[in-house]
Amino acid sequence: VVIAVDTSGSISVDELKQFSGELNSILGDVKPSKVHVLYCDTDIAGIEEFGPDDYPVKLHKRGGGGTDFTQPFYWMEKNVPNPACFVYLTDLYGPCHASEPMCPVLWVCTSKQDDIPFGQLLPLEITGEYQ
């Protein structure tokens, strides 16, 4: 599984904590053999890998600039040949110039934005539960 975490300047501490909770739900419930986490703003600011034994994990703010959703898709194409899926945790404020990948894509969005380039959209309400 590849998970891109939007760490641009528009992402709040509460959103990042909620993203950590979503990642932990994936690790705890789905138990994928490996999760590649890409921290990104206009570029990839860091990469971590987690497995089911790493649960629970905490995400860290890296980057903090503008937003462009393109680079994580290019990284996945070069580094993870057959991912089960791609999840983008974001507020969805930014462009994407990548082509649609062969795997399912889920945009988990904390804003009211709904214009996605491909894949499916899942709204995410910030609850404070993970603070």
Protein backbone atom coordinates (compact mmCIF):
# COMPACT_ATOMS: atom_id res chain seq x y z
CA VAL A 1 0.00 0.00 0.00
CA VAL A 2 1.26 3.48 -0.84
CA ILE A 3 -0.01 6.37 1.29
CA ALA A 4 0.80 9.97 0.42
CA VAL A 5 0.43 12.42 3.30
CA ASP A 6 -0.06 16.05 2.34
CA THR A 7 2.28 18.04 4.59
CA SER A 8 1.89 21.36 2.79
CA GLY A 9 1.47 24.61 4.67
CA SER A 10 -2.33 24.35 4.60
CA ILE A 11 -2.37 21.11 6.66
CA SER A 12 -3.02 21.74 10.36
CA VAL A 13 -1.67 19.80 13.33
CA ASP A 14 -5.18 18.40 13.89
CA GLU A 15 -5.36 17.18 10.30
CA LEU A 16 -1.97 15.47 10.60
CA LYS A 17 -3.13 13.76 13.81
CA GLN A 18 -6.27 12.59 12.02
CA PHE A 19 -4.11 11.30 9.16
CA SER A 20 -2.07 9.33 11.73
CA GLY A 21 -5.30 7.78 12.98
CA GLU A 22 -6.32 6.80 9.47
CA LEU A 23 -2.91 5.21 8.84
CA ASN A 24 -3.16 3.30 12.12
CA SER A 25 -6.63 2.06 11.13
CA ILE A 26 -5.17 0.70 7.91
CA LEU A 27 -2.27 -0.96 9.75
CA GLY A 28 -4.47 -2.35 12.51
CA ASP A 29 -7.50 -3.44 10.48
CA VAL A 30 -6.12 -4.34 7.05
CA LYS A 31 -2.63 -5.47 8.18
CA PRO A 32 -0.84 -4.91 4.86
CA SER A 33 2.60 -6.49 4.62
CA LYS A 34 4.14 -3.08 3.89
CA VAL A 35 2.96 0.53 3.80
CA HIS A 36 5.06 3.15 2.05
CA VAL A 37 4.29 6.59 3.54
CA LEU A 38 5.30 9.57 1.42
CA TYR A 39 5.33 12.99 3.08
CA CYS A 40 4.80 15.60 0.39
CA ASP A 41 4.05 19.19 -0.46
CA THR A 42 5.28 20.21 -3.95
CA ASP A 43 7.84 17.41 -3.74
CA ILE A 44 8.47 14.35 -1.59
CA ALA A 45 9.88 15.59 1.73
CA GLY A 46 10.36 12.17 3.33
CA ILE A 47 9.56 8.49 3.06
CA GLU A 48 8.88 5.91 5.77
CA GLU A 49 7.91 2.25 5.59
CA PHE A 50 5.70 0.51 8.11
CA GLY A 51 4.45 -3.04 8.59
CA PRO A 52 1.78 -4.59 10.78
CA ASP A 53 4.24 -4.92 13.69
CA ASP A 54 4.88 -1.15 13.69
CA TYR A 55 1.33 -0.34 14.81
CA PRO A 56 0.65 2.27 16.19
CA VAL A 57 2.64 4.89 14.32
CA LYS A 58 2.80 8.66 14.47
CA LEU A 59 3.21 10.82 11.38
CA HIS A 60 5.60 13.76 11.38
CA LYS A 61 5.24 17.08 9.59
CA ARG A 62 7.81 17.34 6.81
CA GLY A 63 7.79 19.92 4.08
CA GLY A 64 5.31 22.71 4.63
CA GLY A 65 5.40 24.53 1.30
CA GLY A 66 2.86 24.59 -1.51
CA THR A 67 1.03 21.58 -2.89
CA ASP A 68 1.38 19.46 -6.02
CA PHE A 69 0.02 15.91 -5.95
CA THR A 70 2.10 14.67 -8.89
CA GLN A 71 5.39 13.44 -7.38
CA PRO A 72 4.03 10.61 -5.18
CA PHE A 73 2.44 8.99 -8.23
CA TYR A 74 5.76 9.16 -10.12
CA TRP A 75 7.56 7.71 -7.09
CA MET A 76 5.09 4.83 -6.86
CA GLU A 77 5.46 4.06 -10.56
CA LYS A 78 9.25 3.74 -10.16
CA ASN A 79 9.44 2.06 -6.75
CA VAL A 80 6.33 -0.05 -6.11
CA PRO A 81 5.49 -2.04 -9.24
CA ASN A 82 2.20 -3.62 -8.11
CA PRO A 83 0.66 -1.75 -5.18
CA ALA A 84 -2.64 -2.94 -3.79
CA CYS A 85 -3.83 0.66 -3.66
CA PHE A 86 -2.80 4.30 -3.32
CA VAL A 87 -4.29 6.52 -0.61
CA TYR A 88 -3.78 10.30 -0.57
CA LEU A 89 -4.49 11.98 2.79
CA THR A 90 -5.01 15.65 1.94
CA ASP A 91 -7.08 18.81 2.03
CA LEU A 92 -7.10 18.59 -1.79
CA TYR A 93 -5.78 22.11 -2.39
CA GLY A 94 -3.38 21.65 -5.31
CA PRO A 95 -2.90 20.35 -8.84
CA CYS A 96 -2.14 16.85 -10.06
CA HIS A 97 -0.36 16.31 -13.38
CA ALA A 98 0.09 12.54 -13.07
CA SER A 99 -1.67 9.95 -15.18
CA GLU A 100 -4.12 7.60 -13.52
CA PRO A 101 -2.23 4.59 -12.13
CA MET A 102 -3.29 0.98 -12.66
CA CYS A 103 -4.13 0.52 -8.96
CA PRO A 104 -7.18 1.90 -7.11
CA VAL A 105 -6.73 5.47 -5.80
CA LEU A 106 -8.57 6.90 -2.80
CA TRP A 107 -8.40 10.63 -2.01
CA VAL A 108 -9.19 11.10 1.70
CA CYS A 109 -10.06 14.78 1.96
CA THR A 110 -10.47 17.08 4.98
CA SER A 111 -11.91 20.03 3.03
CA LYS A 112 -15.05 20.58 1.00
CA GLN A 113 -13.04 20.22 -2.22
CA ASP A 114 -14.32 17.50 -4.53
CA ASP A 115 -12.44 17.97 -7.81
CA ILE A 116 -10.20 14.90 -8.07
CA PRO A 117 -8.27 13.94 -11.22
CA PHE A 118 -9.13 10.20 -10.94
CA GLY A 119 -10.00 7.59 -8.36
CA GLN A 120 -12.55 7.91 -5.57
CA LEU A 121 -13.12 10.61 -2.98
CA LEU A 122 -13.72 9.98 0.72
CA PRO A 123 -14.53 13.04 2.86
CA LEU A 124 -12.84 13.01 6.28
CA GLU A 125 -14.17 15.11 9.13
CA ILE A 126 -11.59 16.32 11.64
CA THR A 127 -12.92 15.05 14.95
CA GLY A 128 -10.10 15.62 17.43
CA GLU A 129 -10.35 11.95 18.39
CA TYR A 130 -6.65 11.40 17.63
CA GLN A 131 -5.32 14.39 19.58
